[in-house]
PDB file of all heavy atoms in Angstrom:
ATOM      1  N   SER A   1      17.240  14.847   8.372  1.00  0.00           N
ATOM      2  CA  SER A   1      18.046  16.053   8.516  1.00  0.00           C
ATOM      3  C   SER A   1      19.487  15.668   8.820  1.00  0.00           C
ATOM      4  O   SER A   1      19.755  14.575   9.307  1.00  0.00           O
ATOM      5  CB  SER A   1      17.500  16.968   9.616  1.00  0.00           C
ATOM      6  OG  SER A   1      17.523  16.324  10.876  1.00  0.00           O
ATOM      7  N   GLY A   2      20.422  16.581   8.507  1.00  0.00           N
ATOM      8  CA  GLY A   2      21.819  16.371   8.845  1.00  0.00           C
ATOM      9  C   GLY A   2      22.646  15.675   7.781  1.00  0.00           C
ATOM     10  O   GLY A   2      23.815  15.359   8.026  1.00  0.00           O
ATOM     11  N   PHE A   3      22.067  15.431   6.609  1.00  0.00           N
ATOM     12  CA  PHE A   3      22.801  14.828   5.501  1.00  0.00           C
ATOM     13  C   PHE A   3      22.149  15.220   4.187  1.00  0.00           C
ATOM     14  O   PHE A   3      21.052  15.791   4.176  1.00  0.00           O
ATOM     15  CB  PHE A   3      22.893  13.302   5.648  1.00  0.00           C
ATOM     16  CG  PHE A   3      21.572  12.591   5.605  1.00  0.00           C
ATOM     17  CD1 PHE A   3      21.127  11.991   4.432  1.00  0.00           C
ATOM     18  CD2 PHE A   3      20.772  12.505   6.731  1.00  0.00           C
ATOM     19  CE1 PHE A   3      19.916  11.322   4.389  1.00  0.00           C
ATOM     20  CE2 PHE A   3      19.558  11.841   6.702  1.00  0.00           C
ATOM     21  CZ  PHE A   3      19.134  11.246   5.530  1.00  0.00           C
ATOM     22  N   THR A   4      22.831  14.914   3.079  1.00  0.00           N
ATOM     23  CA  THR A   4      22.311  15.270   1.762  1.00  0.00           C
ATOM     24  C   THR A   4      21.273  14.242   1.344  1.00  0.00           C
ATOM     25  O   THR A   4      21.584  13.228   0.715  1.00  0.00           O
ATOM     26  CB  THR A   4      23.444  15.354   0.738  1.00  0.00           C
ATOM     27  OG1 THR A   4      24.453  16.255   1.210  1.00  0.00           O
ATOM     28  CG2 THR A   4      22.920  15.869  -0.601  1.00  0.00           C
ATOM     29  N   PHE A   5      20.033  14.525   1.687  1.00  0.00           N
ATOM     30  CA  PHE A   5      18.933  13.580   1.528  1.00  0.00           C
ATOM     31  C   PHE A   5      18.814  13.054   0.100  1.00  0.00           C
ATOM     32  O   PHE A   5      18.578  11.863  -0.115  1.00  0.00           O
ATOM     33  CB  PHE A   5      17.628  14.247   1.967  1.00  0.00           C
ATOM     34  CG  PHE A   5      16.400  13.398   1.786  1.00  0.00           C
ATOM     35  CD1 PHE A   5      16.071  12.425   2.711  1.00  0.00           C
ATOM     36  CD2 PHE A   5      15.564  13.595   0.695  1.00  0.00           C
ATOM     37  CE1 PHE A   5      14.939  11.654   2.554  1.00  0.00           C
ATOM     38  CE2 PHE A   5      14.424  12.831   0.532  1.00  0.00           C
ATOM     39  CZ  PHE A   5      14.110  11.856   1.466  1.00  0.00           C
ATOM     40  N   SER A   6      18.977  13.936  -0.891  1.00  0.00           N
ATOM     41  CA  SER A   6      18.764  13.561  -2.287  1.00  0.00           C
ATOM     42  C   SER A   6      19.741  12.505  -2.784  1.00  0.00           C
ATOM     43  O   SER A   6      19.476  11.859  -3.803  1.00  0.00           O
ATOM     44  CB  SER A   6      18.832  14.790  -3.191  1.00  0.00           C
ATOM     45  OG  SER A   6      20.112  15.393  -3.130  1.00  0.00           O
ATOM     46  N   ARG A   7      20.852  12.295  -2.104  1.00  0.00           N
ATOM     47  CA  ARG A   7      21.847  11.311  -2.508  1.00  0.00           C
ATOM     48  C   ARG A   7      21.537   9.908  -1.993  1.00  0.00           C
ATOM     49  O   ARG A   7      22.148   8.939  -2.442  1.00  0.00           O
ATOM     50  CB  ARG A   7      23.242  11.717  -2.017  1.00  0.00           C
ATOM     51  CG  ARG A   7      23.766  13.015  -2.622  1.00  0.00           C
ATOM     52  CD  ARG A   7      25.163  13.317  -2.124  1.00  0.00           C
ATOM     53  NE  ARG A   7      26.118  12.301  -2.540  1.00  0.00           N
ATOM     54  CZ  ARG A   7      27.337  12.146  -2.021  1.00  0.00           C
ATOM     55  NH1 ARG A   7      27.744  12.954  -1.050  1.00  0.00           N
ATOM     56  NH2 ARG A   7      28.137  11.200  -2.469  1.00  0.00           N
ATOM     57  N   TYR A   8      20.595   9.792  -1.064  1.00  0.00           N
ATOM     58  CA  TYR A   8      20.338   8.529  -0.380  1.00  0.00           C
ATOM     59  C   TYR A   8      19.126   7.813  -0.933  1.00  0.00           C
ATOM     60  O   TYR A   8      18.081   8.417  -1.171  1.00  0.00           O
ATOM     61  CB  TYR A   8      20.118   8.773   1.115  1.00  0.00           C
ATOM     62  CG  TYR A   8      21.389   9.004   1.898  1.00  0.00           C
ATOM     63  CD1 TYR A   8      22.100  10.181   1.761  1.00  0.00           C
ATOM     64  CD2 TYR A   8      21.858   8.044   2.778  1.00  0.00           C
ATOM     65  CE1 TYR A   8      23.268  10.397   2.466  1.00  0.00           C
ATOM     66  CE2 TYR A   8      23.019   8.252   3.499  1.00  0.00           C
ATOM     67  CZ  TYR A   8      23.723   9.430   3.337  1.00  0.00           C
ATOM     68  OH  TYR A   8      24.874   9.636   4.056  1.00  0.00           O
ATOM     69  N   ALA A   9      19.269   6.511  -1.138  1.00  0.00           N
ATOM     70  CA  ALA A   9      18.099   5.669  -1.330  1.00  0.00           C
ATOM     71  C   ALA A   9      17.349   5.569  -0.007  1.00  0.00           C
ATOM     72  O   ALA A   9      17.966   5.511   1.055  1.00  0.00           O
ATOM     73  CB  ALA A   9      18.503   4.284  -1.813  1.00  0.00           C
ATOM     74  N   MET A  10      16.032   5.556  -0.077  1.00  0.00           N
ATOM     75  CA  MET A  10      15.204   5.495   1.123  1.00  0.00           C
ATOM     76  C   MET A  10      14.333   4.248   1.090  1.00  0.00           C
ATOM     77  O   MET A  10      13.836   3.845   0.032  1.00  0.00           O
ATOM     78  CB  MET A  10      14.328   6.739   1.243  1.00  0.00           C
ATOM     79  CG  MET A  10      15.103   8.051   1.320  1.00  0.00           C
ATOM     80  SD  MET A  10      16.190   8.165   2.767  1.00  0.00           S
ATOM     81  CE  MET A  10      15.009   8.034   4.115  1.00  0.00           C
ATOM     82  N   SER A  11      14.144   3.657   2.263  1.00  0.00           N
ATOM     83  CA  SER A  11      13.373   2.427   2.363  1.00  0.00           C
ATOM     84  C   SER A  11      12.489   2.451   3.596  1.00  0.00           C
ATOM     85  O   SER A  11      12.748   3.180   4.558  1.00  0.00           O
ATOM     86  CB  SER A  11      14.287   1.199   2.445  1.00  0.00           C
ATOM     87  OG  SER A  11      15.119   1.084   1.308  1.00  0.00           O
ATOM     88  N   TRP A  12      11.440   1.630   3.541  1.00  0.00           N
ATOM     89  CA  TRP A  12      10.617   1.331   4.705  1.00  0.00           C
ATOM     90  C   TRP A  12      10.745  -0.156   5.019  1.00  0.00           C
ATOM     91  O   TRP A  12      10.660  -0.999   4.118  1.00  0.00           O
ATOM     92  CB  TRP A  12       9.147   1.674   4.466  1.00  0.00           C
ATOM     93  CG  TRP A  12       8.859   3.136   4.443  1.00  0.00           C
ATOM     94  CD1 TRP A  12       8.774   3.942   3.354  1.00  0.00           C
ATOM     95  CD2 TRP A  12       8.605   3.966   5.579  1.00  0.00           C
ATOM     96  NE1 TRP A  12       8.485   5.229   3.727  1.00  0.00           N
ATOM     97  CE2 TRP A  12       8.379   5.271   5.092  1.00  0.00           C
ATOM     98  CE3 TRP A  12       8.551   3.739   6.958  1.00  0.00           C
ATOM     99  CZ2 TRP A  12       8.101   6.348   5.943  1.00  0.00           C
ATOM    100  CZ3 TRP A  12       8.275   4.806   7.796  1.00  0.00           C
ATOM    101  CH2 TRP A  12       8.056   6.089   7.286  1.00  0.00           C
ATOM    102  N   TYR A  13      10.961  -0.457   6.291  1.00  0.00           N
ATOM    103  CA  TYR A  13      10.969  -1.811   6.808  1.00  0.00           C
ATOM    104  C   TYR A  13       9.898  -1.927   7.877  1.00  0.00           C
ATOM    105  O   TYR A  13       9.399  -0.923   8.383  1.00  0.00           O
ATOM    106  CB  TYR A  13      12.327  -2.161   7.418  1.00  0.00           C
ATOM    107  CG  TYR A  13      13.440  -2.415   6.429  1.00  0.00           C
ATOM    108  CD1 TYR A  13      13.982  -1.381   5.677  1.00  0.00           C
ATOM    109  CD2 TYR A  13      13.963  -3.693   6.259  1.00  0.00           C
ATOM    110  CE1 TYR A  13      15.010  -1.613   4.776  1.00  0.00           C
ATOM    111  CE2 TYR A  13      14.997  -3.930   5.366  1.00  0.00           C
ATOM    112  CZ  TYR A  13      15.515  -2.882   4.633  1.00  0.00           C
ATOM    113  OH  TYR A  13      16.537  -3.120   3.746  1.00  0.00           O
ATOM    114  N   ARG A  14       9.555  -3.168   8.231  1.00  0.00           N
ATOM    115  CA  ARG A  14       8.633  -3.371   9.337  1.00  0.00           C
ATOM    116  C   ARG A  14       9.038  -4.601  10.130  1.00  0.00           C
ATOM    117  O   ARG A  14       9.679  -5.518   9.620  1.00  0.00           O
ATOM    118  CB  ARG A  14       7.186  -3.499   8.845  1.00  0.00           C
ATOM    119  CG  ARG A  14       6.900  -4.729   8.007  1.00  0.00           C
ATOM    120  CD  ARG A  14       5.473  -4.652   7.453  1.00  0.00           C
ATOM    121  NE  ARG A  14       5.126  -5.830   6.675  1.00  0.00           N
ATOM    122  CZ  ARG A  14       3.992  -5.955   5.990  1.00  0.00           C
ATOM    123  NH1 ARG A  14       3.102  -4.960   5.995  1.00  0.00           N
ATOM    124  NH2 ARG A  14       3.751  -7.068   5.306  1.00  0.00           N
ATOM    125  N   GLN A  15       8.647  -4.602  11.407  1.00  0.00           N
ATOM    126  CA  GLN A  15       8.983  -5.700  12.300  1.00  0.00           C
ATOM    127  C   GLN A  15       7.840  -5.929  13.281  1.00  0.00           C
ATOM    128  O   GLN A  15       7.478  -5.030  14.039  1.00  0.00           O
ATOM    129  CB  GLN A  15      10.277  -5.404  13.058  1.00  0.00           C
ATOM    130  CG  GLN A  15      10.779  -6.567  13.892  1.00  0.00           C
ATOM    131  CD  GLN A  15      12.183  -6.341  14.407  1.00  0.00           C
ATOM    132  OE1 GLN A  15      12.619  -5.197  14.565  1.00  0.00           O
ATOM    133  NE2 GLN A  15      12.901  -7.422  14.657  1.00  0.00           N
ATOM    134  N   ALA A  16       7.282  -7.125  13.249  1.00  0.00           N
ATOM    135  CA  ALA A  16       6.258  -7.534  14.196  1.00  0.00           C
ATOM    136  C   ALA A  16       6.925  -8.183  15.402  1.00  0.00           C
ATOM    137  O   ALA A  16       8.053  -8.675  15.312  1.00  0.00           O
ATOM    138  CB  ALA A  16       5.278  -8.500  13.537  1.00  0.00           C
ATOM    139  N   PRO A  17       6.248  -8.213  16.563  1.00  0.00           N
ATOM    140  CA  PRO A  17       6.837  -8.809  17.767  1.00  0.00           C
ATOM    141  C   PRO A  17       7.293 -10.246  17.526  1.00  0.00           C
ATOM    142  O   PRO A  17       6.539 -11.063  16.997  1.00  0.00           O
ATOM    143  CB  PRO A  17       5.705  -8.751  18.784  1.00  0.00           C
ATOM    144  CG  PRO A  17       4.868  -7.605  18.344  1.00  0.00           C
ATOM    145  CD  PRO A  17       4.921  -7.635  16.839  1.00  0.00           C
ATOM    146  N   GLY A  18       8.531 -10.546  17.912  1.00  0.00           N
ATOM    147  CA  GLY A  18       9.078 -11.881  17.755  1.00  0.00           C
ATOM    148  C   GLY A  18       9.478 -12.250  16.342  1.00  0.00           C
ATOM    149  O   GLY A  18       9.890 -13.391  16.112  1.00  0.00           O
ATOM    150  N   LYS A  19       9.380 -11.316  15.403  1.00  0.00           N
ATOM    151  CA  LYS A  19       9.705 -11.582  14.010  1.00  0.00           C
ATOM    152  C   LYS A  19      10.914 -10.762  13.573  1.00  0.00           C
ATOM    153  O   LYS A  19      11.272  -9.773  14.200  1.00  0.00           O
ATOM    154  CB  LYS A  19       8.516 -11.266  13.105  1.00  0.00           C
ATOM    155  CG  LYS A  19       7.238 -11.988  13.463  1.00  0.00           C
ATOM    156  CD  LYS A  19       7.383 -13.492  13.317  1.00  0.00           C
ATOM    157  CE  LYS A  19       6.069 -14.197  13.608  1.00  0.00           C
ATOM    158  NZ  LYS A  19       6.194 -15.661  13.467  1.00  0.00           N
ATOM    159  N   GLU A  20      11.533 -11.180  12.478  1.00  0.00           N
ATOM    160  CA  GLU A  20      12.656 -10.445  11.917  1.00  0.00           C
ATOM    161  C   GLU A  20      12.167  -9.218  11.156  1.00  0.00           C
ATOM    162  O   GLU A  20      11.069  -9.202  10.609  1.00  0.00           O
ATOM    163  CB  GLU A  20      13.467 -11.347  10.986  1.00  0.00           C
ATOM    164  CG  GLU A  20      14.121 -12.525  11.682  1.00  0.00           C
ATOM    165  CD  GLU A  20      14.922 -13.399  10.742  1.00  0.00           C
ATOM    166  OE1 GLU A  20      14.857 -13.175   9.517  1.00  0.00           O
ATOM    167  OE2 GLU A  20      15.610 -14.305  11.219  1.00  0.00           O
ATOM    168  N   ARG A  21      13.012  -8.186  11.137  1.00  0.00           N
ATOM    169  CA  ARG A  21      12.707  -6.988  10.373  1.00  0.00           C
ATOM    170  C   ARG A  21      12.789  -7.292   8.879  1.00  0.00           C
ATOM    171  O   ARG A  21      13.765  -7.885   8.411  1.00  0.00           O
ATOM    172  CB  ARG A  21      13.677  -5.868  10.754  1.00  0.00           C
ATOM    173  CG  ARG A  21      13.329  -4.510  10.169  1.00  0.00           C
ATOM    174  CD  ARG A  21      14.256  -3.427  10.713  1.00  0.00           C
ATOM    175  NE  ARG A  21      14.149  -3.295  12.162  1.00  0.00           N
ATOM    176  CZ  ARG A  21      14.768  -2.366  12.883  1.00  0.00           C
ATOM    177  NH1 ARG A  21      15.542  -1.476  12.277  1.00  0.00           N
ATOM    178  NH2 ARG A  21      14.619  -2.325  14.191  1.00  0.00           N
ATOM    179  N   GLY A  22      11.776  -6.879   8.112  1.00  0.00           N
ATOM    180  CA  GLY A  22      11.720  -7.168   6.699  1.00  0.00           C
ATOM    181  C   GLY A  22      11.479  -5.932   5.856  1.00  0.00           C
ATOM    182  O   GLY A  22      10.830  -4.980   6.290  1.00  0.00           O
ATOM    183  N   LEU A  23      11.983  -5.954   4.633  1.00  0.00           N
ATOM    184  CA  LEU A  23      11.846  -4.838   3.700  1.00  0.00           C
ATOM    185  C   LEU A  23      10.409  -4.727   3.192  1.00  0.00           C
ATOM    186  O   LEU A  23       9.804  -5.725   2.794  1.00  0.00           O
ATOM    187  CB  LEU A  23      12.799  -5.032   2.527  1.00  0.00           C
ATOM    188  CG  LEU A  23      12.751  -3.978   1.417  1.00  0.00           C
ATOM    189  CD1 LEU A  23      13.192  -2.623   1.951  1.00  0.00           C
ATOM    190  CD2 LEU A  23      13.630  -4.401   0.248  1.00  0.00           C
ATOM    191  N   VAL A  24       9.879  -3.504   3.188  1.00  0.00           N
ATOM    192  CA  VAL A  24       8.552  -3.218   2.668  1.00  0.00           C
ATOM    193  C   VAL A  24       8.622  -2.551   1.302  1.00  0.00           C
ATOM    194  O   VAL A  24       7.957  -2.975   0.357  1.00  0.00           O
ATOM    195  CB  VAL A  24       7.757  -2.330   3.643  1.00  0.00           C
ATOM    196  CG1 VAL A  24       6.412  -1.933   3.049  1.00  0.00           C
ATOM    197  CG2 VAL A  24       7.563  -3.045   4.972  1.00  0.00           C
ATOM    198  N   ALA A  25       9.436  -1.488   1.178  1.00  0.00           N
ATOM    199  CA  ALA A  25       9.517  -0.735  -0.068  1.00  0.00           C
ATOM    200  C   ALA A  25      10.800   0.078  -0.098  1.00  0.00           C
ATOM    201  O   ALA A  25      11.339   0.454   0.944  1.00  0.00           O
ATOM    202  CB  ALA A  25       8.309   0.187  -0.230  1.00  0.00           C
ATOM    203  N   THR A  26      11.282   0.368  -1.307  1.00  0.00           N
ATOM    204  CA  THR A  26      12.487   1.150  -1.505  1.00  0.00           C
ATOM    205  C   THR A  26      12.279   2.123  -2.664  1.00  0.00           C
ATOM    206  O   THR A  26      11.594   1.790  -3.638  1.00  0.00           O
ATOM    207  CB  THR A  26      13.700   0.246  -1.818  1.00  0.00           C
ATOM    208  OG1 THR A  26      13.955  -0.610  -0.711  1.00  0.00           O
ATOM    209  CG2 THR A  26      14.948   1.072  -2.098  1.00  0.00           C
ATOM    210  N   ILE A  27      12.871   3.307  -2.564  1.00  0.00           N
ATOM    211  CA  ILE A  27      12.885   4.264  -3.666  1.00  0.00           C
ATOM    212  C   ILE A  27      14.311   4.774  -3.837  1.00  0.00           C
ATOM    213  O   ILE A  27      14.966   5.153  -2.868  1.00  0.00           O
ATOM    214  CB  ILE A  27      11.879   5.416  -3.446  1.00  0.00           C
ATOM    215  CG1 ILE A  27      11.836   6.343  -4.667  1.00  0.00           C
ATOM    216  CG2 ILE A  27      12.192   6.197  -2.172  1.00  0.00           C
ATOM    217  CD1 ILE A  27      10.634   7.284  -4.650  1.00  0.00           C
ATOM    218  N   THR A  28      14.814   4.781  -5.071  1.00  0.00           N
ATOM    219  CA  THR A  28      16.199   5.156  -5.325  1.00  0.00           C
ATOM    220  C   THR A  28      16.390   6.660  -5.267  1.00  0.00           C
ATOM    221  O   THR A  28      15.436   7.444  -5.338  1.00  0.00           O
ATOM    222  CB  THR A  28      16.678   4.632  -6.686  1.00  0.00           C
ATOM    223  OG1 THR A  28      15.955   5.286  -7.733  1.00  0.00           O
ATOM    224  CG2 THR A  28      16.490   3.132  -6.793  1.00  0.00           C
ATOM    225  N   SER A  29      17.661   7.076  -5.174  1.00  0.00           N
ATOM    226  CA  SER A  29      18.000   8.492  -5.084  1.00  0.00           C
ATOM    227  C   SER A  29      18.092   9.164  -6.443  1.00  0.00           C
ATOM    228  O   SER A  29      18.017  10.387  -6.527  1.00  0.00           O
ATOM    229  CB  SER A  29      19.330   8.665  -4.347  1.00  0.00           C
ATOM    230  OG  SER A  29      20.385   8.045  -5.062  1.00  0.00           O
ATOM    231  N   THR A  30      18.287   8.399  -7.504  1.00  0.00           N
ATOM    232  CA  THR A  30      18.530   8.959  -8.829  1.00  0.00           C
ATOM    233  C   THR A  30      17.279   8.954  -9.701  1.00  0.00           C
ATOM    234  O   THR A  30      16.695  10.006  -9.973  1.00  0.00           O
ATOM    235  CB  THR A  30      19.662   8.193  -9.528  1.00  0.00           C
ATOM    236  OG1 THR A  30      19.377   6.786  -9.518  1.00  0.00           O
ATOM    237  CG2 THR A  30      20.984   8.432  -8.805  1.00  0.00           C
ATOM    238  N   SER A  31      16.858   7.794 -10.137  1.00  0.00           N
ATOM    239  CA  SER A  31      15.717   7.681 -11.036  1.00  0.00           C
ATOM    240  C   SER A  31      14.371   7.686 -10.314  1.00  0.00           C
ATOM    241  O   SER A  31      13.332   7.860 -10.957  1.00  0.00           O
ATOM    242  CB  SER A  31      15.827   6.414 -11.872  1.00  0.00           C
ATOM    243  OG  SER A  31      15.733   5.260 -11.060  1.00  0.00           O
ATOM    244  N   GLY A  32      14.377   7.485  -9.013  1.00  0.00           N
ATOM    245  CA  GLY A  32      13.130   7.365  -8.277  1.00  0.00           C
ATOM    246  C   GLY A  32      12.436   6.037  -8.480  1.00  0.00           C
ATOM    247  O   GLY A  32      11.230   5.922  -8.231  1.00  0.00           O
ATOM    248  N   THR A  33      13.188   5.040  -8.931  1.00  0.00           N
ATOM    249  CA  THR A  33      12.628   3.712  -9.127  1.00  0.00           C
ATOM    250  C   THR A  33      12.189   3.113  -7.799  1.00  0.00           C
ATOM    251  O   THR A  33      12.901   3.207  -6.801  1.00  0.00           O
ATOM    252  CB  THR A  33      13.663   2.799  -9.795  1.00  0.00           C
ATOM    253  OG1 THR A  33      14.033   3.344 -11.063  1.00  0.00           O
ATOM    254  CG2 THR A  33      13.101   1.402 -10.005  1.00  0.00           C
ATOM    255  N   THR A  34      11.020   2.493  -7.788  1.00  0.00           N
ATOM    256  CA  THR A  34      10.466   1.906  -6.574  1.00  0.00           C
ATOM    257  C   THR A  34      10.422   0.395  -6.665  1.00  0.00           C
ATOM    258  O   THR A  34      10.254  -0.179  -7.744  1.00  0.00           O
ATOM    259  CB  THR A  34       9.054   2.434  -6.301  1.00  0.00           C
ATOM    260  OG1 THR A  34       8.204   2.128  -7.413  1.00  0.00           O
ATOM    261  CG2 THR A  34       9.075   3.941  -6.089  1.00  0.00           C
ATOM    262  N   THR A  35      10.576  -0.247  -5.515  1.00  0.00           N
ATOM    263  CA  THR A  35      10.413  -1.688  -5.390  1.00  0.00           C
ATOM    264  C   THR A  35       9.578  -1.974  -4.155  1.00  0.00           C
ATOM    265  O   THR A  35       9.597  -1.214  -3.190  1.00  0.00           O
ATOM    266  CB  THR A  35      11.757  -2.424  -5.297  1.00  0.00           C
ATOM    267  OG1 THR A  35      12.493  -1.939  -4.170  1.00  0.00           O
ATOM    268  CG2 THR A  35      12.578  -2.216  -6.560  1.00  0.00           C
ATOM    269  N   TYR A  36       8.847  -3.105  -4.187  1.00  0.00           N
ATOM    270  CA  TYR A  36       7.938  -3.453  -3.102  1.00  0.00           C
ATOM    271  C   TYR A  36       8.023  -4.926  -2.771  1.00  0.00           C
ATOM    272  O   TYR A  36       8.266  -5.761  -3.644  1.00  0.00           O
ATOM    273  CB  TYR A  36       6.492  -3.128  -3.484  1.00  0.00           C
ATOM    274  CG  TYR A  36       6.241  -1.673  -3.758  1.00  0.00           C
ATOM    275  CD1 TYR A  36       6.363  -1.156  -5.041  1.00  0.00           C
ATOM    276  CD2 TYR A  36       5.889  -0.812  -2.731  1.00  0.00           C
ATOM    277  CE1 TYR A  36       6.137   0.184  -5.296  1.00  0.00           C
ATOM    278  CE2 TYR A  36       5.665   0.532  -2.973  1.00  0.00           C
ATOM    279  CZ  TYR A  36       5.787   1.023  -4.263  1.00  0.00           C
ATOM    280  OH  TYR A  36       5.562   2.359  -4.503  1.00  0.00           O
ATOM    281  N   ALA A  37       7.803  -5.231  -1.510  1.00  0.00           N
ATOM    282  CA  ALA A  37       7.609  -6.618  -1.125  1.00  0.00           C
ATOM    283  C   ALA A  37       6.328  -7.141  -1.769  1.00  0.00           C
ATOM    284  O   ALA A  37       5.359  -6.400  -1.949  1.00  0.00           O
ATOM    285  CB  ALA A  37       7.519  -6.741   0.394  1.00  0.00           C
ATOM    286  N   VAL A  38       6.332  -8.423  -2.110  1.00  0.00           N
ATOM    287  CA  VAL A  38       5.159  -9.022  -2.738  1.00  0.00           C
ATOM    288  C   VAL A  38       3.911  -8.835  -1.879  1.00  0.00           C
ATOM    289  O   VAL A  38       2.817  -8.603  -2.396  1.00  0.00           O
ATOM    290  CB  VAL A  38       5.408 -10.522  -3.021  1.00  0.00           C
ATOM    291  CG1 VAL A  38       4.124 -11.205  -3.480  1.00  0.00           C
ATOM    292  CG2 VAL A  38       6.504 -10.682  -4.060  1.00  0.00           C
ATOM    293  N   SER A  39       4.073  -8.895  -0.570  1.00  0.00           N
ATOM    294  CA  SER A  39       2.942  -8.828   0.339  1.00  0.00           C
ATOM    295  C   SER A  39       2.231  -7.472   0.347  1.00  0.00           C
ATOM    296  O   SER A  39       1.088  -7.387   0.790  1.00  0.00           O
ATOM    297  CB  SER A  39       3.388  -9.173   1.761  1.00  0.00           C
ATOM    298  OG  SER A  39       4.394  -8.287   2.203  1.00  0.00           O
ATOM    299  N   VAL A  40       2.895  -6.412  -0.144  1.00  0.00           N
ATOM    300  CA  VAL A  40       2.290  -5.077  -0.124  1.00  0.00           C
ATOM    301  C   VAL A  40       2.110  -4.482  -1.510  1.00  0.00           C
ATOM    302  O   VAL A  40       1.466  -3.426  -1.644  1.00  0.00           O
ATOM    303  CB  VAL A  40       3.109  -4.095   0.743  1.00  0.00           C
ATOM    304  CG1 VAL A  40       3.351  -4.665   2.126  1.00  0.00           C
ATOM    305  CG2 VAL A  40       4.431  -3.730   0.070  1.00  0.00           C
ATOM    306  N   LYS A  41       2.643  -5.114  -2.531  1.00  0.00           N
ATOM    307  CA  LYS A  41       2.563  -4.577  -3.888  1.00  0.00           C
ATOM    308  C   LYS A  41       1.110  -4.393  -4.310  1.00  0.00           C
ATOM    309  O   LYS A  41       0.279  -5.277  -4.145  1.00  0.00           O
ATOM    310  CB  LYS A  41       3.284  -5.497  -4.866  1.00  0.00           C
ATOM    311  CG  LYS A  41       3.455  -4.914  -6.258  1.00  0.00           C
ATOM    312  CD  LYS A  41       4.315  -5.816  -7.123  1.00  0.00           C
ATOM    313  CE  LYS A  41       4.474  -5.266  -8.535  1.00  0.00           C
ATOM    314  NZ  LYS A  41       5.190  -3.960  -8.536  1.00  0.00           N
ATOM    315  N   GLY A  42       0.805  -3.213  -4.847  1.00  0.00           N
ATOM    316  CA  GLY A  42      -0.547  -2.878  -5.247  1.00  0.00           C
ATOM    317  C   GLY A  42      -1.356  -2.206  -4.164  1.00  0.00           C
ATOM    318  O   GLY A  42      -2.423  -1.645  -4.452  1.00  0.00           O
ATOM    319  N   ARG A  43      -0.886  -2.261  -2.916  1.00  0.00           N
ATOM    320  CA  ARG A  43      -1.583  -1.630  -1.798  1.00  0.00           C
ATOM    321  C   ARG A  43      -0.814  -0.449  -1.213  1.00  0.00           C
ATOM    322  O   ARG A  43      -1.415   0.525  -0.769  1.00  0.00           O
ATOM    323  CB  ARG A  43      -1.846  -2.645  -0.681  1.00  0.00           C
ATOM    324  CG  ARG A  43      -2.714  -3.824  -1.120  1.00  0.00           C
ATOM    325  CD  ARG A  43      -3.083  -4.703   0.076  1.00  0.00           C
ATOM    326  NE  ARG A  43      -1.906  -5.296   0.707  1.00  0.00           N
ATOM    327  CZ  ARG A  43      -1.548  -5.099   1.974  1.00  0.00           C
ATOM    328  NH1 ARG A  43      -2.277  -4.310   2.760  1.00  0.00           N
ATOM    329  NH2 ARG A  43      -0.466  -5.698   2.466  1.00  0.00           N
ATOM    330  N   PHE A  44       0.523  -0.537  -1.198  1.00  0.00           N
ATOM    331  CA  PHE A  44       1.372   0.500  -0.621  1.00  0.00           C
ATOM    332  C   PHE A  44       2.082   1.269  -1.728  1.00  0.00           C
ATOM    333  O   PHE A  44       2.416   0.704  -2.778  1.00  0.00           O
ATOM    334  CB  PHE A  44       2.433  -0.103   0.295  1.00  0.00           C
ATOM    335  CG  PHE A  44       1.927  -0.710   1.573  1.00  0.00           C
ATOM    336  CD1 PHE A  44       0.570  -0.917   1.800  1.00  0.00           C
ATOM    337  CD2 PHE A  44       2.831  -1.079   2.563  1.00  0.00           C
ATOM    338  CE1 PHE A  44       0.115  -1.481   2.976  1.00  0.00           C
ATOM    339  CE2 PHE A  44       2.386  -1.643   3.741  1.00  0.00           C
ATOM    340  CZ  PHE A  44       1.036  -1.850   3.958  1.00  0.00           C
ATOM    341  N   THR A  45       2.364   2.552  -1.482  1.00  0.00           N
ATOM    342  CA  THR A  45       3.114   3.383  -2.407  1.00  0.00           C
ATOM    343  C   THR A  45       4.163   4.189  -1.646  1.00  0.00           C
ATOM    344  O   THR A  45       3.825   4.925  -0.719  1.00  0.00           O
ATOM    345  CB  THR A  45       2.203   4.348  -3.180  1.00  0.00           C
ATOM    346  OG1 THR A  45       1.191   3.609  -3.878  1.00  0.00           O
ATOM    347  CG2 THR A  45       3.011   5.161  -4.181  1.00  0.00           C
TER     348      THR A  45
END
């Protein structure tokens, strides 16, 4: 809320204790193209 959501690319990241935050998945604002980390591809959407 509070911004024009449709203009923004959206992503999910995750971080385990003592580890760096890493990218899980991304979806673009225009075409809806998705990308996934190798570790979750085929399991996450």
